[in-house]
Amino acid sequence: MAQPNIVVERFESPPVEKRFIEFVERKGLGHPDYIADAIAEASSAALCREYIKRFGAVLHHNVDKVLVVGGQARPRFGGGEVLAPIYILIAGRATTEVRTEGGGVELVPVGPILLSAAKDWIRRNFRYLNPEEHVVVDYKVGKGSADLVSIFSRRKEYPGANDTSLGVGYAPLSETERLVLEVERYLNSPKVKSELPFVGEDIKVMAVRRGSQIDLTVAVAFVSRHVVSRGEYLSAKDEVKRRIEDLASKITSREVNVYVNTGDDPSATDESGYYLVVTGTSAEHGDDGATGRGNRANGLITPMRPMSMEAAAGKNPVNHVGKLYNVLARMIAERVVSETGVDEAYVKLLSQIGRPINDPLIAYVGIVAEGDEEYRRAKKEAEGIVAEELNRVNKLLYDFVEGKITPF
């Protein structure tokens, strides 16, 4: 018999692939909103590692309020300069002092940890954005204290949920969703950066599918030092378009129309008419970002699907269900589809503050299946999958800390 808080029902809706209209978006690596999410998550992971090293446990923290304020830059064909740096503010709360078993107090250098995590992430992911010259990183973190003896005496296998929150996931990705995801990943791959160094990190992909036709609008920031003239810019843009079309042909047989940098003014003879940046990101010149305004936990923004408004990045991976449940819901949906063969699965996990994280108030699975027999068989299997995955939820902690899971 299924647990009373696991509910599986037939989802009476045509699969997304069979609907006439579909919208999909992804904000890529160098987009200001992605930067905010990534620095929030890098900050949380760095705090987790330090807490584990010092105390053997992850202590309370949430650094899920990161703001990216755009700077000023002057790109020009063949060069350019940054005039005012990007400002990044990491905000939230963290345990800054711990009372140890011997009665002493150990201070945790939260500030340096956060600053180092942010700058390290920038160094690893950008070629031309120098965290020492082009970025000012700041933090405003509320201080907290903890009693180590009390923490270990109250520790349970499954901690209580820190909030009443909803996690949402689905599977499988549609063809259009896979296309959007793969286009951004391809353009930000080491291979493309080596072959086309003018392709910056700030890439945004938006798709609309109408029946069997997909219109793909791609914004690609071109690095000005690698583009010496208007003619070279237009040729580079054509090459990017050609490569996206080639990639799309390997993912879908549908007609794909690719549009690159549609805001350009081809009649302009100087830099003002083209999408050029000095450092690889539009954050260098007035484009701002904030945690939670970008991709959902599966890396996409999908208005045709159920989505959570949670900003998962930067949240404590021990018991913050706004983070755990959004990732876990996707994992459950993927298993249900993979192991039962149904068309689609939609999962929603509702926590209740204080309730053990493996025991949500409701774990809901909506199944899209063609036949009654297929649904009945899948329903039973889905109930078992949900129970298994919930009892593994605390294993996600180290996947987050090690960067194996990216919740955006």
Protein backbone atom coordinates (compact mmCIF):
# COMPACT_ATOMS: atom_id res chain seq x y z
CA MET A 1 0.00 0.00 0.00
CA ALA A 2 1.26 3.46 -0.87
CA GLN A 3 2.06 5.95 1.82
CA PRO A 4 -0.97 8.21 2.40
CA ASN A 5 1.01 11.31 1.43
CA ILE A 6 1.99 9.92 -2.00
CA VAL A 7 -0.66 10.71 -4.58
CA VAL A 8 -0.44 9.49 -8.18
CA GLU A 9 -3.10 10.38 -10.72
CA ARG A 10 -3.62 10.48 -14.44
CA PHE A 11 -2.79 13.88 -15.87
CA GLU A 12 -5.43 14.66 -18.46
CA SER A 13 -3.43 16.85 -20.79
CA PRO A 14 -1.80 16.24 -24.18
CA PRO A 15 2.00 15.88 -24.07
CA VAL A 16 3.84 19.13 -24.77
CA GLU A 17 5.14 17.70 -28.05
CA LYS A 18 1.55 17.41 -29.30
CA ARG A 19 0.55 20.98 -28.45
CA PHE A 20 0.70 23.54 -31.24
CA ILE A 21 2.59 26.23 -29.31
CA GLU A 22 5.61 25.86 -27.02
CA PHE A 23 7.92 28.48 -25.48
CA VAL A 24 11.36 27.73 -24.01
CA GLU A 25 14.15 29.99 -22.75
CA ARG A 26 17.62 29.60 -21.29
CA LYS A 27 19.83 32.30 -19.83
CA GLY A 28 23.40 31.17 -20.40
CA LEU A 29 26.63 31.20 -18.45
CA GLY A 30 27.47 34.89 -18.83
CA HIS A 31 23.96 36.29 -18.41
CA PRO A 32 23.76 38.55 -15.31
CA ASP A 33 20.96 36.43 -13.79
CA TYR A 34 23.01 33.27 -14.32
CA ILE A 35 26.01 34.96 -12.73
CA ALA A 36 23.91 35.82 -9.68
CA ASP A 37 22.64 32.24 -9.33
CA ALA A 38 26.08 30.75 -9.86
CA ILE A 39 27.80 32.98 -7.31
CA ALA A 40 25.05 32.28 -4.77
CA GLU A 41 25.54 28.55 -5.25
CA ALA A 42 29.35 28.79 -5.21
CA SER A 43 29.12 30.77 -1.97
CA SER A 44 26.88 28.16 -0.32
CA ALA A 45 29.13 25.31 -1.42
CA ALA A 46 32.22 27.09 -0.09
CA LEU A 47 30.55 27.66 3.28
CA CYS A 48 29.47 24.01 3.39
CA ARG A 49 33.02 22.81 2.77
CA GLU A 50 34.41 25.09 5.47
CA TYR A 51 31.79 24.04 8.02
CA ILE A 52 32.42 20.36 7.30
CA LYS A 53 36.19 20.81 7.56
CA ARG A 54 36.00 22.67 10.86
CA PHE A 55 33.01 21.07 12.59
CA GLY A 56 32.07 17.90 10.69
CA ALA A 57 28.63 19.25 9.78
CA VAL A 58 27.02 21.87 7.54
CA LEU A 59 25.78 24.72 9.72
CA HIS A 60 22.89 27.06 9.08
CA HIS A 61 23.27 29.50 6.22
CA ASN A 62 21.38 30.95 3.27
CA VAL A 63 23.16 33.15 0.76
CA ASP A 64 20.40 33.18 -1.85
CA LYS A 65 20.14 36.94 -2.34
CA VAL A 66 22.87 37.92 -4.81
CA LEU A 67 22.60 41.14 -6.80
CA VAL A 68 24.65 41.91 -9.90
CA VAL A 69 24.75 45.64 -10.75
CA GLY A 70 26.02 46.37 -14.23
CA GLY A 71 29.12 48.46 -14.75
CA GLN A 72 30.16 50.58 -17.72
CA ALA A 73 32.29 49.65 -20.69
CA ARG A 74 33.31 51.02 -24.06
CA PRO A 75 33.79 48.22 -26.60
CA ARG A 76 35.31 49.05 -29.96
CA PHE A 77 36.28 46.99 -32.96
CA GLY A 78 39.55 45.30 -32.08
CA GLY A 79 39.58 46.47 -28.46
CA GLY A 80 37.72 48.39 -25.80
CA GLU A 81 37.89 49.14 -22.11
CA VAL A 82 35.92 48.80 -18.88
CA LEU A 83 35.09 52.23 -17.44
CA ALA A 84 33.33 51.22 -14.20
CA PRO A 85 33.36 47.79 -12.57
CA ILE A 86 30.45 45.39 -12.11
CA TYR A 87 29.24 45.39 -8.51
CA ILE A 88 28.21 42.06 -6.95
CA LEU A 89 26.52 41.93 -3.56
CA ILE A 90 26.15 38.62 -1.72
CA ALA A 91 23.42 38.84 0.92
CA GLY A 92 21.87 36.38 3.33
CA ARG A 93 22.67 34.77 6.65
CA ALA A 94 25.40 32.46 7.89
CA THR A 95 26.74 30.93 11.09
CA THR A 96 29.73 33.08 11.98
CA GLU A 97 30.61 31.75 15.45
CA VAL A 98 30.37 28.32 17.04
CA ARG A 99 30.49 27.39 20.71
CA THR A 100 32.63 24.27 20.90
CA GLU A 101 32.48 21.29 23.25
CA GLY A 102 35.18 22.76 25.49
CA GLY A 103 33.19 25.92 26.02
CA GLY A 104 35.21 28.11 23.68
CA VAL A 105 34.00 30.08 20.69
CA GLU A 106 35.42 29.55 17.19
CA LEU A 107 34.90 32.29 14.64
CA VAL A 108 34.24 31.44 10.99
CA PRO A 109 35.75 33.87 8.43
CA VAL A 110 32.55 34.05 6.40
CA GLY A 111 33.48 37.25 4.53
CA PRO A 112 36.75 36.01 3.03
CA ILE A 113 35.09 32.68 2.15
CA LEU A 114 32.33 34.41 0.19
CA LEU A 115 34.68 36.83 -1.59
CA SER A 116 37.04 34.03 -2.57
CA ALA A 117 34.20 31.80 -3.81
CA ALA A 118 32.78 34.53 -6.04
CA LYS A 119 36.13 35.49 -7.56
CA ASP A 120 37.15 31.87 -8.08
CA TRP A 121 33.91 31.18 -9.97
CA ILE A 122 34.50 34.18 -12.23
CA ARG A 123 38.08 33.08 -12.95
CA ARG A 124 36.97 29.56 -13.85
CA ASN A 125 34.17 30.62 -16.18
CA PHE A 126 35.29 33.80 -17.97
CA ARG A 127 38.29 34.41 -20.18
CA TYR A 128 38.26 38.21 -20.16
CA LEU A 129 36.37 39.22 -17.02
CA ASN A 130 39.07 39.88 -14.42
CA PRO A 131 37.57 39.63 -10.90
CA GLU A 132 40.27 41.92 -9.51
CA GLU A 133 40.00 44.67 -12.14
CA HIS A 134 36.49 44.49 -13.57
CA VAL A 135 34.40 43.43 -10.56
CA VAL A 136 33.78 44.67 -7.03
CA VAL A 137 32.48 41.88 -4.78
CA ASP A 138 30.80 42.80 -1.51
CA TYR A 139 28.71 41.01 1.09
CA LYS A 140 26.03 41.82 3.66
CA VAL A 141 25.47 38.67 5.68
CA GLY A 142 23.54 38.52 8.94
CA LYS A 143 25.59 36.94 11.73
CA GLY A 144 24.50 33.78 13.50
CA SER A 145 25.83 31.51 16.22
CA ALA A 146 25.54 27.80 16.95
CA ASP A 147 26.25 25.40 19.77
CA LEU A 148 28.14 22.41 18.38
CA VAL A 149 27.15 20.09 21.23
CA SER A 150 23.50 20.96 20.77
CA ILE A 151 23.72 20.46 17.00
CA PHE A 152 25.04 16.92 17.31
CA SER A 153 22.71 15.97 20.16
CA ARG A 154 19.69 17.04 18.09
CA ARG A 155 20.92 15.63 14.78
CA LYS A 156 18.51 13.29 13.02
CA GLU A 157 18.88 11.22 9.89
CA TYR A 158 16.27 13.41 8.21
CA PRO A 159 16.19 17.02 9.45
CA GLY A 160 12.96 18.98 9.58
CA ALA A 161 12.03 21.14 6.61
CA ASN A 162 13.04 24.75 7.15
CA ASP A 163 9.96 26.07 5.38
CA THR A 164 6.59 25.23 3.87
CA SER A 165 7.46 25.21 0.19
CA LEU A 166 6.72 23.56 -3.14
CA GLY A 167 9.15 21.79 -5.46
CA VAL A 168 8.22 21.11 -9.08
CA GLY A 169 9.75 18.89 -11.75
CA TYR A 170 8.84 17.10 -14.96
CA ALA A 171 10.20 14.71 -17.57
CA PRO A 172 11.11 14.17 -20.30
CA LEU A 173 12.44 17.31 -21.94
CA SER A 174 10.74 18.06 -25.23
CA GLU A 175 12.71 18.33 -28.44
CA THR A 176 12.49 22.13 -28.27
CA GLU A 177 13.69 22.16 -24.67
CA ARG A 178 16.66 19.95 -25.52
CA LEU A 179 17.49 22.17 -28.47
CA VAL A 180 17.55 25.33 -26.34
CA LEU A 181 19.66 23.67 -23.66
CA GLU A 182 22.16 22.21 -26.12
CA VAL A 183 22.56 25.39 -28.18
CA GLU A 184 23.67 27.39 -25.14
CA ARG A 185 25.92 24.62 -23.86
CA TYR A 186 27.49 24.24 -27.29
CA LEU A 187 28.21 27.95 -27.71
CA ASN A 188 29.78 28.04 -24.25
CA SER A 189 31.77 24.86 -24.75
CA PRO A 190 35.61 24.86 -24.71
CA LYS A 191 35.54 23.64 -28.33
CA VAL A 192 33.64 26.68 -29.60
CA LYS A 193 35.62 29.11 -27.44
CA SER A 194 38.82 27.69 -28.96
CA GLU A 195 37.56 27.75 -32.55
CA LEU A 196 35.50 30.96 -32.31
CA PRO A 197 37.14 33.07 -29.58
CA PHE A 198 34.90 36.02 -30.41
CA VAL A 199 31.89 34.19 -28.90
CA GLY A 200 31.37 35.64 -25.42
CA GLU A 201 29.92 33.87 -22.42
CA ASP A 202 26.71 35.92 -22.30
CA ILE A 203 24.28 33.88 -24.39
CA LYS A 204 20.50 33.81 -24.22
CA VAL A 205 18.35 31.40 -26.22
CA MET A 206 14.61 31.80 -26.76
CA ALA A 207 12.52 29.36 -28.77
CA VAL A 208 8.92 29.31 -29.90
CA ARG A 209 7.58 26.22 -31.62
CA ARG A 210 4.51 26.55 -33.81
CA GLY A 211 3.49 23.09 -34.91
CA SER A 212 6.51 21.67 -36.69
CA GLN A 213 8.38 24.96 -37.00
CA ILE A 214 10.81 26.28 -34.38
CA ASP A 215 11.97 29.89 -34.35
CA LEU A 216 15.19 30.17 -32.37
CA THR A 217 16.31 33.66 -31.31
CA VAL A 218 19.84 33.68 -29.93
CA ALA A 219 21.62 36.64 -28.36
CA VAL A 220 25.39 36.18 -28.45
CA ALA A 221 27.73 38.76 -26.93
CA PHE A 222 30.73 39.11 -29.25
CA VAL A 223 34.08 39.91 -27.61
CA SER A 224 35.28 43.15 -29.21
CA ARG A 225 39.02 42.40 -29.14
CA HIS A 226 38.39 39.51 -31.58
CA VAL A 227 36.26 41.51 -34.04
CA VAL A 228 38.18 44.22 -35.90
CA SER A 229 35.52 45.55 -38.27
CA ARG A 230 31.85 45.66 -39.20
CA GLY A 231 32.46 43.16 -41.99
CA GLU A 232 34.21 40.76 -39.66
CA TYR A 233 31.35 41.05 -37.15
CA LEU A 234 28.75 40.18 -39.80
CA SER A 235 30.84 37.25 -41.02
CA ALA A 236 31.25 36.01 -37.45
CA LYS A 237 27.51 36.26 -36.92
CA ASP A 238 26.87 34.23 -40.05
CA GLU A 239 29.28 31.55 -38.80
CA VAL A 240 27.51 31.32 -35.44
CA LYS A 241 24.16 31.04 -37.23
CA ARG A 242 25.48 28.29 -39.47
CA ARG A 243 26.81 26.31 -36.51
CA ILE A 244 23.53 26.59 -34.62
CA GLU A 245 21.65 25.37 -37.70
CA ASP A 246 24.02 22.42 -38.00
CA LEU A 247 23.56 21.51 -34.34
CA ALA A 248 19.78 21.86 -34.62
CA SER A 249 19.70 19.43 -37.57
CA LYS A 250 21.23 16.77 -35.30
CA ILE A 251 18.61 17.29 -32.58
CA THR A 252 15.37 17.71 -34.52
CA SER A 253 13.91 17.03 -37.96
CA ARG A 254 11.58 20.00 -37.55
CA GLU A 255 12.17 23.18 -39.52
CA VAL A 256 14.37 25.49 -37.41
CA ASN A 257 14.74 29.17 -38.23
CA VAL A 258 17.75 30.71 -36.46
CA TYR A 259 18.01 34.42 -35.69
CA VAL A 260 21.21 35.80 -34.13
CA ASN A 261 21.51 39.23 -32.51
CA THR A 262 18.34 40.62 -34.03
CA GLY A 263 18.86 43.94 -32.22
CA ASP A 264 21.81 44.80 -34.46
CA ASP A 265 21.67 47.73 -36.88
CA PRO A 266 23.41 46.44 -40.04
CA SER A 267 23.49 49.97 -41.48
CA ALA A 268 25.73 51.19 -38.66
CA THR A 269 29.36 51.68 -39.66
CA ASP A 270 30.76 51.82 -36.12
CA GLU A 271 30.48 49.72 -32.95
CA SER A 272 27.25 51.33 -31.77
CA GLY A 273 25.06 49.14 -33.95
CA TYR A 274 26.32 45.74 -32.82
CA TYR A 275 26.30 43.45 -29.79
CA LEU A 276 29.90 43.87 -28.69
CA VAL A 277 31.30 43.49 -25.18
CA VAL A 278 34.78 43.81 -23.71
CA THR A 279 34.62 41.10 -21.03
CA GLY A 280 32.15 38.52 -22.39
CA THR A 281 29.07 39.66 -20.45
CA SER A 282 26.49 42.41 -20.83
CA ALA A 283 26.82 42.96 -17.07
CA GLU A 284 29.81 45.13 -17.95
CA HIS A 285 27.49 47.82 -19.23
CA GLY A 286 24.28 48.41 -17.31
CA ASP A 287 22.66 44.97 -17.49
CA ASP A 288 21.77 43.82 -13.96
CA GLY A 289 20.99 40.42 -12.48
CA ALA A 290 19.53 38.82 -9.36
CA THR A 291 19.27 35.34 -7.88
CA GLY A 292 16.08 33.52 -8.86
CA ARG A 293 15.32 35.50 -12.03
CA GLY A 294 16.94 32.99 -14.33
CA ASN A 295 16.66 29.31 -15.12
CA ARG A 296 14.66 26.88 -13.01
CA ALA A 297 16.24 23.77 -11.48
CA ASN A 298 16.41 21.94 -14.83
CA GLY A 299 18.32 24.80 -16.48
CA LEU A 300 15.36 26.13 -18.46
CA ILE A 301 12.50 28.61 -18.27
CA THR A 302 9.40 26.80 -19.54
CA PRO A 303 6.09 28.72 -19.47
CA MET A 304 4.20 25.73 -20.93
CA ARG A 305 5.17 23.58 -17.94
CA PRO A 306 4.53 23.88 -14.19
CA MET A 307 7.33 25.89 -12.58
CA SER A 308 8.31 26.89 -9.07
CA MET A 309 9.19 30.50 -8.28
CA GLU A 310 11.82 29.40 -5.73
CA ALA A 311 15.33 30.78 -6.05
CA ALA A 312 17.10 27.48 -5.40
CA ALA A 313 20.70 28.69 -5.73
CA GLY A 314 22.52 29.60 -2.53
CA LYS A 315 20.07 27.92 -0.19
CA ASN A 316 21.27 25.55 2.53
CA PRO A 317 21.36 22.03 1.01
CA VAL A 318 20.73 20.32 4.37
CA ASN A 319 17.07 21.08 4.90
CA HIS A 320 16.05 23.96 2.64
CA VAL A 321 13.25 22.32 0.72
CA GLY A 322 13.05 25.21 -1.74
CA LYS A 323 16.29 23.80 -3.09
CA LEU A 324 16.08 20.08 -2.35
CA TYR A 325 12.53 19.49 -3.53
CA ASN A 326 12.91 21.25 -6.88
CA VAL A 327 15.86 19.05 -7.76
CA LEU A 328 14.32 15.92 -6.27
CA ALA A 329 11.02 16.45 -8.13
CA ARG A 330 12.90 16.48 -11.44
CA MET A 331 14.85 13.34 -10.50
CA ILE A 332 11.65 11.50 -9.57
CA ALA A 333 9.96 12.53 -12.82
CA GLU A 334 12.95 11.32 -14.86
CA ARG A 335 12.89 7.94 -13.12
CA VAL A 336 9.14 7.53 -13.57
CA VAL A 337 9.40 8.16 -17.32
CA SER A 338 12.53 6.06 -17.75
CA GLU A 339 11.29 3.06 -15.79
CA THR A 340 7.60 3.01 -16.76
CA GLY A 341 7.70 4.29 -20.34
CA VAL A 342 4.84 6.79 -19.90
CA ASP A 343 4.71 9.87 -22.11
CA GLU A 344 5.28 12.45 -19.36
CA ALA A 345 5.47 12.76 -15.59
CA TYR A 346 4.87 15.87 -13.50
CA VAL A 347 5.97 15.87 -9.86
CA LYS A 348 5.11 18.33 -7.08
CA LEU A 349 6.49 17.99 -3.56
CA LEU A 350 4.92 20.09 -0.80
CA SER A 351 6.85 20.39 2.45
CA GLN A 352 5.57 21.47 5.82
CA ILE A 353 7.88 23.39 8.09
CA GLY A 354 9.39 21.15 10.77
CA ARG A 355 8.30 17.93 9.06
CA PRO A 356 11.15 15.51 8.14
CA ILE A 357 12.41 16.24 4.64
CA ASN A 358 11.78 12.64 3.54
CA ASP A 359 8.13 12.96 4.58
CA PRO A 360 6.47 15.79 2.62
CA LEU A 361 2.92 16.79 3.33
CA ILE A 362 2.06 15.68 -0.21
CA ALA A 363 4.16 14.04 -2.92
CA TYR A 364 2.14 14.33 -6.13
CA VAL A 365 2.82 12.62 -9.46
CA GLY A 366 0.75 13.39 -12.54
CA ILE A 367 1.18 10.80 -15.30
CA VAL A 368 0.44 11.32 -18.99
CA ALA A 369 -0.21 7.87 -20.46
CA GLU A 370 -2.08 6.67 -23.52
CA GLY A 371 -3.86 3.58 -22.21
CA ASP A 372 -5.62 2.65 -18.96
CA GLU A 373 -3.44 -0.42 -18.46
CA GLU A 374 -0.25 1.56 -19.00
CA TYR A 375 -1.40 4.11 -16.44
CA ARG A 376 -2.34 1.51 -13.80
CA ARG A 377 1.03 -0.21 -14.13
CA ALA A 378 2.92 3.09 -14.03
CA LYS A 379 0.94 4.30 -11.01
CA LYS A 380 2.14 1.44 -8.83
CA GLU A 381 5.75 1.78 -9.96
CA ALA A 382 5.67 5.55 -9.48
CA GLU A 383 4.58 5.18 -5.86
CA GLY A 384 7.62 3.00 -5.17
CA ILE A 385 9.97 5.38 -6.98
CA VAL A 386 8.73 8.36 -4.96
CA ALA A 387 9.22 6.51 -1.66
CA GLU A 388 12.75 5.42 -2.65
CA GLU A 389 13.85 8.88 -3.78
CA LEU A 390 12.42 10.62 -0.73
CA ASN A 391 14.42 8.31 1.51
CA ARG A 392 17.56 9.31 -0.42
CA VAL A 393 16.94 13.04 -0.23
CA ASN A 394 19.65 13.66 2.37
CA LYS A 395 22.23 12.21 -0.04
CA LEU A 396 21.80 15.29 -2.24
CA LEU A 397 23.82 17.38 0.22
CA TYR A 398 27.23 16.24 -1.01
CA ASP A 399 26.15 16.38 -4.66
CA PHE A 400 25.42 20.07 -4.17
CA VAL A 401 28.64 20.69 -2.22
CA GLU A 402 30.74 18.94 -4.89
CA GLY A 403 28.98 20.74 -7.74
CA LYS A 404 27.51 17.57 -9.23
CA ILE A 405 24.07 19.20 -9.20
CA THR A 406 23.48 22.72 -10.48
CA PRO A 407 20.03 24.04 -9.50
CA PHE A 408 19.78 26.52 -12.38
